[in-house]
């Protein structure tokens, strides 16, 4: 029995790892800059207070739902084997592309490497397995 990984499944695994890395990065890296001005009676013009916030600090736990969508999309084809894999992988790649385009105004561009890996998994040519010796 041949235990070598299939290139398409390896690329799908890479796409899954990339979406997981992006989800963790945008959760915990400071990507949002907030400036506040302190004004009031007796307070002269003061410089703004600049804060660098993570997406989790800015939006709260509700951000987990949209960040899990690409992780689930790239993870589902890894759970399926056989003929249904190709159709599910194509559907997941198309949905990931839609998610990337819709989210391109904010975090969508971070998912571009995962989208390319997922598209590569769909486009890679299946390799013929050698016949088992009797």
Protein backbone atom coordinates (compact mmCIF):
# COMPACT_ATOMS: atom_id res chain seq x y z
CA UNK A 1 0.00 0.00 0.00
CA UNK A 2 1.34 3.42 -1.00
CA UNK A 3 1.45 5.84 1.94
CA UNK A 4 2.78 8.87 0.07
CA UNK A 5 0.64 11.97 0.47
CA UNK A 6 -1.38 12.99 -2.57
CA UNK A 7 -0.24 16.44 -3.79
CA UNK A 8 -3.82 17.78 -3.94
CA UNK A 9 -4.46 16.82 -0.31
CA UNK A 10 -1.14 18.34 0.73
CA UNK A 11 -2.10 21.63 -0.93
CA UNK A 12 -5.51 21.48 0.74
CA UNK A 13 -3.73 20.98 4.06
CA UNK A 14 -1.53 23.98 3.32
CA UNK A 15 -4.64 26.06 2.58
CA UNK A 16 -6.16 24.95 5.89
CA UNK A 17 -2.97 25.80 7.80
CA UNK A 18 -2.81 29.22 6.12
CA UNK A 19 -6.42 30.09 6.99
CA UNK A 20 -5.82 29.00 10.57
CA UNK A 21 -2.67 31.15 10.73
CA UNK A 22 -4.53 34.15 9.28
CA UNK A 23 -7.38 33.74 11.78
CA UNK A 24 -4.94 33.70 14.69
CA UNK A 25 -2.89 36.58 13.27
CA UNK A 26 -5.82 38.93 12.74
CA UNK A 27 -7.17 38.06 16.17
CA UNK A 28 -4.01 38.87 18.10
CA UNK A 29 -1.96 41.30 15.97
CA UNK A 30 -2.77 45.01 16.39
CA UNK A 31 -4.38 45.96 13.08
CA UNK A 32 -6.73 48.74 14.17
CA UNK A 33 -5.54 52.22 15.08
CA UNK A 34 -7.79 54.42 17.18
CA UNK A 35 -7.19 58.08 18.01
CA UNK A 36 -9.11 59.88 20.72
CA UNK A 37 -8.96 63.53 21.63
CA UNK A 38 -9.40 64.75 25.17
CA UNK A 39 -11.33 67.99 25.23
CA UNK A 40 -13.19 69.90 27.84
CA UNK A 41 -13.22 73.08 29.91
CA UNK A 42 -9.83 73.90 31.32
CA UNK A 43 -8.06 71.34 29.09
CA UNK A 44 -5.85 72.99 26.51
CA UNK A 45 -5.42 71.45 23.10
CA UNK A 46 -3.80 68.14 23.86
CA UNK A 47 -2.28 65.67 21.45
CA UNK A 48 -4.49 62.73 20.47
CA UNK A 49 -4.18 59.46 22.32
CA UNK A 50 -3.36 56.72 19.81
CA UNK A 51 -4.21 53.12 20.55
CA UNK A 52 -3.33 50.07 18.47
CA UNK A 53 -6.03 47.45 18.97
CA UNK A 54 -6.42 43.86 17.88
CA UNK A 55 -9.52 42.81 15.99
CA UNK A 56 -10.63 40.88 19.06
CA UNK A 57 -10.34 44.01 21.25
CA UNK A 58 -12.11 46.15 18.65
CA UNK A 59 -15.10 43.92 17.88
CA UNK A 60 -15.24 41.41 20.72
CA UNK A 61 -15.94 37.67 20.56
CA UNK A 62 -18.40 38.08 17.67
CA UNK A 63 -15.40 38.19 15.32
CA UNK A 64 -14.89 34.44 15.81
CA UNK A 65 -17.82 33.61 13.51
CA UNK A 66 -16.53 35.33 10.34
CA UNK A 67 -12.99 34.14 11.03
CA UNK A 68 -14.12 30.52 11.32
CA UNK A 69 -15.81 30.52 7.91
CA UNK A 70 -12.58 30.23 5.84
CA UNK A 71 -11.11 27.75 8.34
CA UNK A 72 -14.16 25.51 7.97
CA UNK A 73 -14.21 25.92 4.19
CA UNK A 74 -10.63 24.75 3.82
CA UNK A 75 -10.94 22.08 6.52
CA UNK A 76 -14.00 20.28 5.15
CA UNK A 77 -12.25 18.77 2.09
CA UNK A 78 -9.63 17.30 4.42
CA UNK A 79 -12.33 15.23 6.12
CA UNK A 80 -13.65 13.67 2.89
CA UNK A 81 -11.97 10.95 0.85
CA UNK A 82 -12.81 9.46 -2.51
CA UNK A 83 -14.89 10.87 -5.33
CA UNK A 84 -16.85 13.49 -3.33
CA UNK A 85 -13.56 15.19 -2.40
CA UNK A 86 -13.14 16.93 -5.75
CA UNK A 87 -16.64 18.46 -5.80
CA UNK A 88 -16.39 19.58 -2.19
CA UNK A 89 -12.93 21.01 -2.80
CA UNK A 90 -14.16 22.98 -5.81
CA UNK A 91 -17.15 24.32 -3.86
CA UNK A 92 -14.93 25.26 -0.91
CA UNK A 93 -12.47 27.05 -3.21
CA UNK A 94 -15.25 29.04 -4.91
CA UNK A 95 -16.77 30.01 -1.55
CA UNK A 96 -13.33 30.98 -0.20
CA UNK A 97 -12.83 33.16 -3.30
CA UNK A 98 -16.19 34.85 -2.66
CA UNK A 99 -15.28 35.38 0.99
CA UNK A 100 -11.90 36.83 -0.03
CA UNK A 101 -13.48 39.26 -2.51
CA UNK A 102 -16.20 40.37 -0.10
CA UNK A 103 -13.69 40.80 2.71
CA UNK A 104 -11.07 42.50 0.54
CA UNK A 105 -11.93 45.86 2.06
CA UNK A 106 -10.63 44.64 5.41
CA UNK A 107 -9.08 41.21 6.04
CA UNK A 108 -9.91 39.44 2.78
CA UNK A 109 -6.47 39.99 1.27
CA UNK A 110 -4.91 37.96 4.08
CA UNK A 111 -6.69 34.88 2.71
CA UNK A 112 -5.21 35.18 -0.80
CA UNK A 113 -2.33 32.69 -0.18
CA UNK A 114 -4.83 30.15 1.21
CA UNK A 115 -7.07 30.72 -1.80
CA UNK A 116 -4.14 30.08 -4.15
CA UNK A 117 -3.22 26.87 -2.30
CA UNK A 118 -6.85 25.72 -2.37
CA UNK A 119 -7.09 26.49 -6.10
CA UNK A 120 -3.84 24.60 -6.61
CA UNK A 121 -5.35 21.59 -4.83
CA UNK A 122 -8.26 21.65 -7.25
CA UNK A 123 -6.08 22.16 -10.34
CA UNK A 124 -3.33 19.66 -9.55
CA UNK A 125 -3.46 16.60 -11.71
CA UNK A 126 -4.32 13.38 -9.90
CA UNK A 127 -1.48 10.89 -9.91
CA UNK A 128 -2.06 7.29 -10.85
CA UNK A 129 -1.41 4.91 -7.99
CA UNK A 130 0.73 1.90 -8.81
CA UNK A 131 -1.14 -1.39 -8.90
CA UNK A 132 -0.93 -3.42 -5.71
CA UNK A 133 1.25 -6.52 -5.96
CA UNK A 134 -0.65 -9.76 -5.60
